Protein backbone atom coordinates (compact mmCIF):
# COMPACT_ATOMS: atom_id res chain seq x y z
CA MET A 1 -16.12 -26.63 -18.30
CA PHE A 2 -15.44 -22.92 -18.59
CA GLY A 3 -13.35 -22.63 -15.43
CA PHE A 4 -10.49 -21.16 -17.45
CA LEU A 5 -12.66 -18.08 -18.01
CA LYS A 6 -12.94 -17.36 -14.29
CA ARG A 7 -10.64 -14.65 -13.01
CA LYS A 8 -8.64 -15.25 -9.88
CA VAL A 9 -9.84 -13.12 -6.99
CA ARG A 10 -7.01 -11.72 -4.89
CA ASP A 11 -7.43 -10.05 -1.52
CA VAL A 12 -5.40 -6.98 -0.61
CA MET A 13 -4.98 -6.51 3.12
CA SER A 14 -4.44 -3.29 5.03
CA PRO A 15 -0.73 -2.71 5.59
CA VAL A 16 -1.39 -0.61 8.70
CA ASP A 17 -4.03 0.22 11.34
CA GLY A 18 -5.98 3.33 10.49
CA GLN A 19 -8.91 5.00 8.77
CA ILE A 20 -9.72 4.27 5.12
CA VAL A 21 -10.45 7.23 2.88
CA ALA A 22 -11.20 7.40 -0.82
CA LEU A 23 -8.15 7.72 -3.03
CA GLU A 24 -9.87 10.64 -4.74
CA SER A 25 -9.66 12.63 -1.49
CA VAL A 26 -5.85 12.39 -1.23
CA PRO A 27 -4.46 15.96 -1.43
CA ASP A 28 -2.04 15.06 -4.23
CA GLU A 29 -3.13 14.91 -7.88
CA VAL A 30 -0.82 12.03 -8.75
CA PHE A 31 -2.81 9.82 -6.39
CA SER A 32 -6.27 11.42 -6.43
CA GLN A 33 -6.35 11.42 -10.25
CA LYS A 34 -5.16 7.77 -10.23
CA MET A 35 -2.14 8.56 -12.41
CA VAL A 36 -0.18 5.66 -10.91
CA GLY A 37 -3.14 3.32 -10.41
CA ASP A 38 -6.35 2.81 -8.46
CA GLY A 39 -6.72 1.93 -4.82
CA VAL A 40 -7.56 3.44 -1.45
CA ALA A 41 -5.76 5.54 1.14
CA ILE A 42 -5.34 5.07 4.87
CA ILE A 43 -4.66 7.59 7.60
CA PRO A 44 -2.34 5.44 9.72
CA VAL A 45 -2.41 5.24 13.52
CA SER A 46 0.34 2.65 14.02
CA ASN A 47 4.03 2.63 13.17
CA LEU A 48 4.39 -0.77 11.45
CA PHE A 49 3.74 -1.00 7.72
CA ARG A 50 3.25 -4.53 6.45
CA ALA A 51 3.00 -6.46 3.21
CA PRO A 52 -0.57 -6.18 1.86
CA ILE A 53 -0.21 -9.38 -0.21
CA ASP A 54 1.99 -12.46 -0.42
CA GLY A 55 4.85 -11.97 -2.86
CA VAL A 56 8.29 -10.50 -3.35
CA VAL A 57 9.40 -7.03 -2.29
CA SER A 58 9.91 -5.62 -5.77
CA LYS A 59 10.89 -2.08 -4.74
CA ILE A 60 11.76 -0.12 -1.62
CA PHE A 61 12.71 3.47 -2.34
CA SER A 62 16.11 4.50 -0.96
CA THR A 63 14.36 6.92 1.42
CA ASN A 64 12.13 4.04 2.68
CA HIS A 65 8.96 6.12 2.19
CA ALA A 66 7.36 3.71 -0.31
CA TYR A 67 7.51 0.06 -1.28
CA SER A 68 5.90 -2.41 -3.67
CA ILE A 69 5.06 -6.07 -3.30
CA LYS A 70 4.57 -8.19 -6.44
CA SER A 71 2.64 -11.44 -6.25
CA SER A 72 3.33 -14.47 -8.40
CA LYS A 73 -0.05 -13.78 -10.06
CA ASP A 74 0.78 -10.47 -11.79
CA LEU A 75 -0.50 -8.23 -9.03
CA GLU A 76 1.68 -5.42 -7.70
CA VAL A 77 0.63 -3.28 -4.73
CA MET A 78 2.44 -0.08 -3.79
CA VAL A 79 2.29 1.49 -0.32
CA HIS A 80 3.32 5.17 -0.29
CA ILE A 81 3.73 6.31 3.32
CA GLY A 82 2.67 9.94 3.58
CA LEU A 83 2.85 12.74 1.02
CA GLU A 84 6.07 14.45 -0.02
CA THR A 85 7.88 12.17 2.40
CA VAL A 86 10.73 11.66 -0.05
CA ALA A 87 11.93 15.10 1.14
CA LEU A 88 12.52 13.62 4.61
CA GLU A 89 15.49 11.74 3.09
CA GLY A 90 14.74 8.61 5.09
CA LYS A 91 14.42 10.29 8.49
CA GLY A 92 11.59 8.69 10.45
CA PHE A 93 11.68 5.45 8.42
CA THR A 94 13.41 2.18 9.31
CA ARG A 95 13.66 -0.57 6.71
CA ILE A 96 12.86 -4.03 8.06
CA ALA A 97 12.64 -6.01 4.80
CA ASN A 98 14.76 -5.70 1.66
CA GLU A 99 14.15 -5.78 -2.07
CA GLY A 100 13.97 -9.36 -3.27
CA ASP A 101 12.67 -10.73 0.04
CA GLU A 102 9.77 -13.16 -0.19
CA VAL A 103 7.05 -12.00 2.18
CA LYS A 104 3.64 -13.08 3.39
CA ALA A 105 0.78 -10.64 3.87
CA GLY A 106 1.32 -9.19 7.34
CA ASP A 107 5.12 -9.29 7.36
CA VAL A 108 6.60 -5.97 8.50
CA ILE A 109 8.34 -4.04 5.72
CA ILE A 110 8.92 -0.54 7.18
CA GLU A 111 8.74 0.88 10.71
CA VAL A 112 8.04 4.60 11.00
CA ASP A 113 8.09 7.37 13.57
CA LEU A 114 4.53 8.63 12.95
CA ALA A 115 4.99 11.72 15.11
CA TYR A 116 8.08 12.77 13.18
CA ILE A 117 6.38 12.23 9.81
CA ARG A 118 3.24 14.06 10.96
CA ASP A 119 5.41 17.03 12.02
CA HIS A 120 7.70 17.15 8.98
CA ALA A 121 5.79 15.87 5.92
CA LYS A 122 2.92 17.41 3.97
CA ASP A 123 0.51 14.70 5.18
CA ILE A 124 0.59 11.26 6.81
CA ILE A 125 -2.14 9.87 4.50
CA THR A 126 -0.92 6.66 2.86
CA PRO A 127 -2.10 5.64 -0.62
CA ILE A 128 -2.35 1.88 -1.25
CA ILE A 129 -2.20 1.51 -5.03
CA ILE A 130 -2.75 -1.39 -7.41
CA ALA A 131 0.05 -0.66 -9.87
CA ASP A 132 -0.96 0.05 -13.46
CA GLY A 133 0.98 -2.91 -14.82
CA SER A 134 -1.04 -5.39 -12.75
CA ASP A 135 -3.36 -7.91 -14.39
CA VAL A 136 -6.62 -6.41 -13.09
CA GLN A 137 -10.14 -6.08 -14.44
CA THR A 138 -12.01 -5.01 -11.32
CA ILE A 139 -11.18 -3.61 -7.89
CA GLU A 140 -13.80 -3.86 -5.17
CA LYS A 141 -12.97 -1.57 -2.27
CA ASN A 142 -13.95 -2.25 1.30
CA ASN A 143 -16.08 0.55 2.70
CA MET A 144 -15.09 0.05 6.34
CA ALA A 145 -14.03 3.31 7.94
CA ILE A 146 -11.58 1.89 10.49
CA VAL A 147 -9.25 -1.00 9.68
CA LYS A 148 -6.68 -3.03 11.50
CA SER A 149 -3.57 -4.27 9.82
CA GLN A 150 -4.50 -7.32 7.74
CA ASP A 151 -8.20 -6.48 7.37
CA LYS A 152 -9.23 -6.94 3.74
CA ILE A 153 -9.37 -3.51 2.06
CA MET A 154 -9.67 -4.50 -1.62
CA GLU A 155 -10.66 -7.50 -3.69
CA VAL A 156 -8.97 -7.57 -7.09
CA SER A 157 -9.97 -9.76 -10.01
């Protein structure tokens, strides 16, 4: 009878293999203070970054260092590969998908040269953010230390 009161639970999958760390430990205030939204961070160990949810690629920065996927259910997830990677001007990043593409969780969006980014950026740590404009009441974060691409890392309702 009151099914309309139930919130839809949406799973957010890891976009990359790696180690999960708390967003608060990211060495960048914009992310650690959750100025752009809440989420987790991953220290990646693979070079393929995938869609964390089903949806449409709503944004890929011109330097390919960050992208957002927006679901049809008012959820937008941003993946920001490394810190201060915009300064690399796209070097080390190869775009596989394009803005406007419909994607399924697990589809490859960006391929990176991890060694190059590790050597030339401030940090390789990758924040996975639920964008502020998303329709979200709660975010449950997975406390697994090591994840594979497409392991569930957050449950959003």
